[in-house]
Amino acid sequence: MSDQKLKELLGSLQKTLENTDKVDSETLQLVRELDEDINRLLDPESPENDQDSVIERAQEVETQFAIKHPTAERFLREIIDALSKVGI
């Protein structure tokens, strides 16, 4: 899976959450932070490259979404899968 596809998945996740009435601001902030972390990892010029913590964070967010936001959880599963396929 390409970096571009991963970025599209992140965008879809954010859009899905922003269009859901029952999403609190803390959840949206977690997703924004995850998005920033992943984009930093994808940037070849980024000096910091903490891959394990980003995947762990994505998995934590996925666990939180499993009950509250099943549609968003699907995007997170795809993002985690995409991270592993691009070598992160």
N, C-alpha and C. Protein backbone atom coordinates (compact mmCIF):
# COMPACT_ATOMS: atom_id res chain seq x y z
N MET A 1 0.85 -1.17 0.00
CA MET A 1 0.00 0.00 0.00
C MET A 1 0.90 1.23 0.00
N SER A 2 0.52 2.21 -0.76
CA SER A 2 1.36 3.40 -0.91
C SER A 2 1.13 4.39 0.23
N ASP A 3 2.09 5.30 0.35
CA ASP A 3 1.95 6.38 1.32
C ASP A 3 0.70 7.19 1.04
N GLN A 4 0.40 7.39 -0.24
CA GLN A 4 -0.78 8.18 -0.62
C GLN A 4 -2.06 7.51 -0.14
N LYS A 5 -2.15 6.20 -0.28
CA LYS A 5 -3.33 5.46 0.18
C LYS A 5 -3.48 5.60 1.70
N LEU A 6 -2.38 5.55 2.40
CA LEU A 6 -2.40 5.72 3.85
C LEU A 6 -2.93 7.10 4.22
N LYS A 7 -2.47 8.11 3.51
CA LYS A 7 -2.95 9.47 3.77
C LYS A 7 -4.44 9.60 3.46
N GLU A 8 -4.90 8.91 2.43
CA GLU A 8 -6.33 8.92 2.10
C GLU A 8 -7.15 8.26 3.22
N LEU A 9 -6.64 7.17 3.76
CA LEU A 9 -7.33 6.50 4.86
C LEU A 9 -7.41 7.41 6.08
N LEU A 10 -6.33 8.11 6.37
CA LEU A 10 -6.34 9.05 7.49
C LEU A 10 -7.37 10.15 7.28
N GLY A 11 -7.43 10.65 6.07
CA GLY A 11 -8.42 11.68 5.74
C GLY A 11 -9.84 11.15 5.87
N SER A 12 -10.06 9.94 5.42
CA SER A 12 -11.38 9.32 5.53
C SER A 12 -11.78 9.12 6.98
N LEU A 13 -10.84 8.72 7.80
CA LEU A 13 -11.10 8.54 9.22
C LEU A 13 -11.52 9.86 9.85
N GLN A 14 -10.76 10.91 9.59
CA GLN A 14 -11.09 12.21 10.16
C GLN A 14 -12.45 12.70 9.68
N LYS A 15 -12.71 12.54 8.41
CA LYS A 15 -13.99 13.00 7.85
C LYS A 15 -15.15 12.23 8.47
N THR A 16 -14.99 10.93 8.62
CA THR A 16 -16.04 10.10 9.22
C THR A 16 -16.34 10.57 10.64
N LEU A 17 -15.29 10.80 11.40
CA LEU A 17 -15.49 11.24 12.79
C LEU A 17 -16.09 12.63 12.87
N GLU A 18 -15.65 13.52 12.03
CA GLU A 18 -16.18 14.89 12.06
C GLU A 18 -17.64 14.94 11.67
N ASN A 19 -18.11 13.96 10.90
CA ASN A 19 -19.51 13.93 10.49
C ASN A 19 -20.38 13.06 11.40
N THR A 20 -19.80 12.61 12.50
CA THR A 20 -20.54 11.80 13.46
C THR A 20 -20.89 12.67 14.65
N ASP A 21 -22.15 12.65 15.04
CA ASP A 21 -22.62 13.51 16.12
C ASP A 21 -22.08 13.12 17.49
N LYS A 22 -21.78 11.86 17.71
CA LYS A 22 -21.42 11.38 19.03
C LYS A 22 -19.92 11.29 19.28
N VAL A 23 -19.14 12.10 18.61
CA VAL A 23 -17.70 12.07 18.79
C VAL A 23 -17.28 13.28 19.62
N ASP A 24 -16.59 12.99 20.71
CA ASP A 24 -16.15 14.07 21.58
C ASP A 24 -14.86 14.70 21.06
N SER A 25 -14.55 15.86 21.58
CA SER A 25 -13.37 16.59 21.10
C SER A 25 -12.08 15.86 21.43
N GLU A 26 -12.05 15.10 22.52
CA GLU A 26 -10.85 14.34 22.89
C GLU A 26 -10.55 13.28 21.84
N THR A 27 -11.57 12.61 21.36
CA THR A 27 -11.40 11.59 20.32
C THR A 27 -10.87 12.21 19.04
N LEU A 28 -11.46 13.34 18.65
CA LEU A 28 -10.98 14.03 17.44
C LEU A 28 -9.53 14.44 17.60
N GLN A 29 -9.15 14.89 18.79
CA GLN A 29 -7.77 15.30 19.03
C GLN A 29 -6.83 14.10 18.93
N LEU A 30 -7.22 12.95 19.47
CA LEU A 30 -6.40 11.74 19.36
C LEU A 30 -6.13 11.38 17.89
N VAL A 31 -7.17 11.48 17.09
CA VAL A 31 -7.02 11.15 15.66
C VAL A 31 -6.13 12.17 14.97
N ARG A 32 -6.27 13.43 15.31
CA ARG A 32 -5.41 14.46 14.71
C ARG A 32 -3.94 14.21 15.07
N GLU A 33 -3.70 13.87 16.33
CA GLU A 33 -2.33 13.59 16.76
C GLU A 33 -1.78 12.36 16.05
N LEU A 34 -2.59 11.34 15.91
CA LEU A 34 -2.17 10.14 15.19
C LEU A 34 -1.84 10.49 13.74
N ASP A 35 -2.68 11.30 13.13
CA ASP A 35 -2.45 11.75 11.76
C ASP A 35 -1.11 12.49 11.64
N GLU A 36 -0.84 13.38 12.57
CA GLU A 36 0.43 14.12 12.56
C GLU A 36 1.62 13.17 12.72
N ASP A 37 1.50 12.22 13.64
CA ASP A 37 2.58 11.25 13.87
C ASP A 37 2.86 10.43 12.62
N ILE A 38 1.80 9.95 11.98
CA ILE A 38 1.98 9.12 10.79
C ILE A 38 2.57 9.94 9.65
N ASN A 39 2.09 11.16 9.48
CA ASN A 39 2.66 12.01 8.43
C ASN A 39 4.13 12.30 8.69
N ARG A 40 4.49 12.46 9.96
CA ARG A 40 5.90 12.69 10.30
C ARG A 40 6.73 11.46 9.95
N LEU A 41 6.18 10.26 10.23
CA LEU A 41 6.89 9.03 9.89
C LEU A 41 7.07 8.86 8.39
N LEU A 42 6.08 9.31 7.63
CA LEU A 42 6.14 9.17 6.18
C LEU A 42 7.08 10.17 5.53
N ASP A 43 7.42 11.23 6.26
CA ASP A 43 8.30 12.27 5.73
C ASP A 43 9.74 11.77 5.78
N PRO A 44 10.38 11.58 4.63
CA PRO A 44 11.75 11.05 4.62
C PRO A 44 12.77 11.99 5.27
N GLU A 45 12.42 13.26 5.41
CA GLU A 45 13.33 14.23 6.00
C GLU A 45 13.12 14.40 7.50
N SER A 46 12.17 13.70 8.04
CA SER A 46 11.87 13.81 9.47
C SER A 46 12.99 13.16 10.28
N PRO A 47 13.57 13.91 11.23
CA PRO A 47 14.66 13.35 12.02
C PRO A 47 14.20 12.32 13.05
N GLU A 48 12.96 12.45 13.52
CA GLU A 48 12.44 11.54 14.53
C GLU A 48 11.67 10.42 13.85
N ASN A 49 11.90 9.20 14.28
CA ASN A 49 11.26 8.08 13.62
C ASN A 49 10.89 7.02 14.66
N ASP A 50 9.87 7.31 15.46
CA ASP A 50 9.45 6.42 16.53
C ASP A 50 8.27 5.57 16.07
N GLN A 51 8.56 4.58 15.25
CA GLN A 51 7.54 3.76 14.61
C GLN A 51 6.70 2.97 15.60
N ASP A 52 7.34 2.37 16.57
CA ASP A 52 6.62 1.51 17.51
C ASP A 52 5.57 2.28 18.28
N SER A 53 5.89 3.49 18.73
CA SER A 53 4.92 4.25 19.51
C SER A 53 3.73 4.67 18.66
N VAL A 54 3.94 4.94 17.38
CA VAL A 54 2.83 5.33 16.51
C VAL A 54 1.89 4.15 16.30
N ILE A 55 2.44 2.98 16.07
CA ILE A 55 1.60 1.80 15.89
C ILE A 55 0.86 1.48 17.18
N GLU A 56 1.54 1.59 18.31
CA GLU A 56 0.88 1.34 19.60
C GLU A 56 -0.25 2.33 19.81
N ARG A 57 -0.03 3.60 19.49
CA ARG A 57 -1.07 4.62 19.64
C ARG A 57 -2.26 4.31 18.73
N ALA A 58 -1.97 3.90 17.51
CA ALA A 58 -3.04 3.56 16.58
C ALA A 58 -3.85 2.38 17.11
N GLN A 59 -3.18 1.41 17.70
CA GLN A 59 -3.88 0.25 18.25
C GLN A 59 -4.73 0.63 19.46
N GLU A 60 -4.23 1.56 20.29
CA GLU A 60 -5.00 2.03 21.43
C GLU A 60 -6.27 2.75 20.98
N VAL A 61 -6.12 3.61 19.97
CA VAL A 61 -7.27 4.34 19.45
C VAL A 61 -8.27 3.34 18.84
N GLU A 62 -7.75 2.35 18.13
CA GLU A 62 -8.63 1.33 17.53
C GLU A 62 -9.44 0.62 18.60
N THR A 63 -8.81 0.28 19.71
CA THR A 63 -9.50 -0.40 20.80
C THR A 63 -10.62 0.48 21.36
N GLN A 64 -10.34 1.77 21.51
CA GLN A 64 -11.36 2.69 22.01
C GLN A 64 -12.54 2.79 21.05
N PHE A 65 -12.26 2.73 19.76
CA PHE A 65 -13.29 2.88 18.74
C PHE A 65 -14.12 1.62 18.54
N ALA A 66 -13.61 0.47 18.97
CA ALA A 66 -14.29 -0.80 18.70
C ALA A 66 -15.74 -0.79 19.16
N ILE A 67 -16.00 -0.16 20.27
CA ILE A 67 -17.36 -0.13 20.80
C ILE A 67 -18.08 1.15 20.39
N LYS A 68 -17.42 2.27 20.52
CA LYS A 68 -18.09 3.55 20.32
C LYS A 68 -18.26 3.95 18.86
N HIS A 69 -17.27 3.62 18.04
CA HIS A 69 -17.27 4.10 16.65
C HIS A 69 -16.81 2.98 15.70
N PRO A 70 -17.68 1.99 15.45
CA PRO A 70 -17.27 0.84 14.63
C PRO A 70 -16.82 1.21 13.22
N THR A 71 -17.41 2.23 12.62
CA THR A 71 -16.98 2.63 11.28
C THR A 71 -15.56 3.18 11.32
N ALA A 72 -15.28 4.01 12.30
CA ALA A 72 -13.94 4.57 12.45
C ALA A 72 -12.92 3.48 12.77
N GLU A 73 -13.35 2.48 13.53
CA GLU A 73 -12.45 1.38 13.86
C GLU A 73 -11.97 0.66 12.60
N ARG A 74 -12.86 0.51 11.65
CA ARG A 74 -12.49 -0.14 10.39
C ARG A 74 -11.36 0.63 9.70
N PHE A 75 -11.48 1.96 9.67
CA PHE A 75 -10.42 2.77 9.07
C PHE A 75 -9.11 2.61 9.83
N LEU A 76 -9.18 2.56 11.16
CA LEU A 76 -7.96 2.38 11.94
C LEU A 76 -7.31 1.03 11.66
N ARG A 77 -8.11 -0.02 11.52
CA ARG A 77 -7.53 -1.32 11.17
C ARG A 77 -6.80 -1.24 9.84
N GLU A 78 -7.42 -0.57 8.87
CA GLU A 78 -6.79 -0.42 7.56
C GLU A 78 -5.51 0.41 7.65
N ILE A 79 -5.53 1.44 8.50
CA ILE A 79 -4.35 2.29 8.67
C ILE A 79 -3.21 1.47 9.29
N ILE A 80 -3.51 0.69 10.32
CA ILE A 80 -2.50 -0.13 10.95
C ILE A 80 -1.92 -1.13 9.96
N ASP A 81 -2.79 -1.74 9.16
CA ASP A 81 -2.35 -2.67 8.13
C ASP A 81 -1.47 -1.95 7.10
N ALA A 82 -1.88 -0.75 6.72
CA ALA A 82 -1.11 0.02 5.73
C ALA A 82 0.26 0.40 6.29
N LEU A 83 0.33 0.75 7.57
CA LEU A 83 1.60 1.08 8.18
C LEU A 83 2.57 -0.09 8.09
N SER A 84 2.06 -1.27 8.35
CA SER A 84 2.94 -2.45 8.26
C SER A 84 3.38 -2.73 6.84
N LYS A 85 2.51 -2.41 5.87
CA LYS A 85 2.87 -2.68 4.47
C LYS A 85 3.86 -1.66 3.90
N VAL A 86 3.91 -0.45 4.47
CA VAL A 86 4.87 0.54 3.98
C VAL A 86 6.16 0.49 4.80
N GLY A 87 6.25 -0.51 5.67
CA GLY A 87 7.49 -0.71 6.41
C GLY A 87 7.58 0.09 7.69
N ILE A 88 6.44 0.53 8.20
CA ILE A 88 6.47 1.28 9.46
C ILE A 88 6.03 0.35 10.57
